[in-house]
Amino acid sequence: MNTLNYIGCKHTLLKTLLHVCNENISDMKSKSFMDLFAGTGMVGFNMLENFKTCDANDLEYYSYII
């Protein structure tokens, strides 16, 4: 997946987010992940490997296009 990097990109938080999810959510493969404020979709795209499904939400038009 090609990504857009911009100020506020959550790419650097991915390891921390996954660590917190692993510590607090049992059986993630059977659960859905919601990527609020999805932006470029980087978090949702990477979380899809760990969850059953992933939905995304963002009000920015470029996010809808992506």
C-alpha atoms as a PDB file:
ATOM      1  CA  MET A   1       0.000   0.000   0.000  1.00  0.00           C
ATOM      2  CA  ASN A   2       1.311   3.438  -0.860  1.00  0.00           C
ATOM      3  CA  THR A   3       0.915   5.891   1.974  1.00  0.00           C
ATOM      4  CA  LEU A   4       0.813   9.634   2.382  1.00  0.00           C
ATOM      5  CA  ASN A   5       2.944  10.983   5.195  1.00  0.00           C
ATOM      6  CA  TYR A   6       1.934  14.252   6.739  1.00  0.00           C
ATOM      7  CA  ILE A   7       2.194  16.073  10.051  1.00  0.00           C
ATOM      8  CA  GLY A   8       0.152  14.050  12.515  1.00  0.00           C
ATOM      9  CA  CYS A   9       0.785  10.683  10.865  1.00  0.00           C
ATOM     10  CA  LYS A  10       0.275   7.849  13.366  1.00  0.00           C
ATOM     11  CA  HIS A  11       2.834   5.555  11.705  1.00  0.00           C
ATOM     12  CA  THR A  12       5.251   6.074  14.588  1.00  0.00           C
ATOM     13  CA  LEU A  13       2.562   4.997  17.079  1.00  0.00           C
ATOM     14  CA  LEU A  14       1.790   1.647  15.439  1.00  0.00           C
ATOM     15  CA  LYS A  15       4.012  -0.463  17.721  1.00  0.00           C
ATOM     16  CA  THR A  16       2.601   1.218  20.824  1.00  0.00           C
ATOM     17  CA  LEU A  17      -1.006   0.860  19.649  1.00  0.00           C
ATOM     18  CA  LEU A  18      -0.513  -2.807  18.858  1.00  0.00           C
ATOM     19  CA  HIS A  19       1.178  -3.391  22.226  1.00  0.00           C
ATOM     20  CA  VAL A  20      -1.746  -1.764  24.091  1.00  0.00           C
ATOM     21  CA  CYS A  21      -4.250  -3.808  22.078  1.00  0.00           C
ATOM     22  CA  ASN A  22      -2.359  -7.047  22.786  1.00  0.00           C
ATOM     23  CA  GLU A  23      -2.280  -6.291  26.519  1.00  0.00           C
ATOM     24  CA  ASN A  24      -5.973  -5.392  26.809  1.00  0.00           C
ATOM     25  CA  ILE A  25      -7.902  -7.340  24.154  1.00  0.00           C
ATOM     26  CA  SER A  26      -8.180 -11.096  24.246  1.00  0.00           C
ATOM     27  CA  ASP A  27      -8.590 -13.037  21.005  1.00  0.00           C
ATOM     28  CA  MET A  28      -8.136 -10.035  18.701  1.00  0.00           C
ATOM     29  CA  LYS A  29      -8.520 -12.208  15.584  1.00  0.00           C
ATOM     30  CA  SER A  30     -12.223 -12.593  16.408  1.00  0.00           C
ATOM     31  CA  LYS A  31     -12.834  -8.867  16.956  1.00  0.00           C
ATOM     32  CA  SER A  32     -13.315  -5.786  14.790  1.00  0.00           C
ATOM     33  CA  PHE A  33     -11.097  -2.694  14.916  1.00  0.00           C
ATOM     34  CA  MET A  34     -12.414   0.829  14.294  1.00  0.00           C
ATOM     35  CA  ASP A  35      -9.905   3.351  13.001  1.00  0.00           C
ATOM     36  CA  LEU A  36     -11.394   6.704  13.982  1.00  0.00           C
ATOM     37  CA  PHE A  37      -9.805   9.733  12.341  1.00  0.00           C
ATOM     38  CA  ALA A  38      -8.320   7.344   9.796  1.00  0.00           C
ATOM     39  CA  GLY A  39      -6.490   9.876   7.645  1.00  0.00           C
ATOM     40  CA  THR A  40      -4.307   7.881   5.292  1.00  0.00           C
ATOM     41  CA  GLY A  41      -5.516   4.571   6.719  1.00  0.00           C
ATOM     42  CA  MET A  42      -2.084   3.553   8.005  1.00  0.00           C
ATOM     43  CA  VAL A  43      -3.326   2.337  11.398  1.00  0.00           C
ATOM     44  CA  GLY A  44      -6.317   0.452  10.017  1.00  0.00           C
ATOM     45  CA  PHE A  45      -4.297  -1.130   7.239  1.00  0.00           C
ATOM     46  CA  ASN A  46      -1.754  -2.470   9.726  1.00  0.00           C
ATOM     47  CA  MET A  47      -4.340  -3.517  12.326  1.00  0.00           C
ATOM     48  CA  LEU A  48      -6.170  -5.599   9.731  1.00  0.00           C
ATOM     49  CA  GLU A  49      -3.402  -8.181  10.118  1.00  0.00           C
ATOM     50  CA  ASN A  50      -4.346  -8.577  13.799  1.00  0.00           C
ATOM     51  CA  PHE A  51      -8.141  -8.215  13.815  1.00  0.00           C
ATOM     52  CA  LYS A  52     -10.996  -9.950  11.994  1.00  0.00           C
ATOM     53  CA  THR A  53     -12.164  -6.748  10.290  1.00  0.00           C
ATOM     54  CA  CYS A  54     -11.270  -3.086  10.275  1.00  0.00           C
ATOM     55  CA  ASP A  55     -13.550  -0.135   9.592  1.00  0.00           C
ATOM     56  CA  ALA A  56     -12.370   3.425   9.098  1.00  0.00           C
ATOM     57  CA  ASN A  57     -13.864   6.864   9.609  1.00  0.00           C
ATOM     58  CA  ASP A  58     -12.634  10.346   8.752  1.00  0.00           C
ATOM     59  CA  LEU A  59     -14.308  13.587   7.737  1.00  0.00           C
ATOM     60  CA  GLU A  60     -11.534  14.704   5.402  1.00  0.00           C
ATOM     61  CA  TYR A  61     -12.354  14.294   1.700  1.00  0.00           C
ATOM     62  CA  TYR A  62      -8.904  12.936   0.812  1.00  0.00           C
ATOM     63  CA  SER A  63      -9.518  10.076   3.261  1.00  0.00           C
ATOM     64  CA  TYR A  64     -12.691   9.184   1.401  1.00  0.00           C
ATOM     65  CA  ILE A  65     -10.725   9.129  -1.864  1.00  0.00           C
ATOM     66  CA  ILE A  66      -8.012   6.876  -0.368  1.00  0.00           C
END
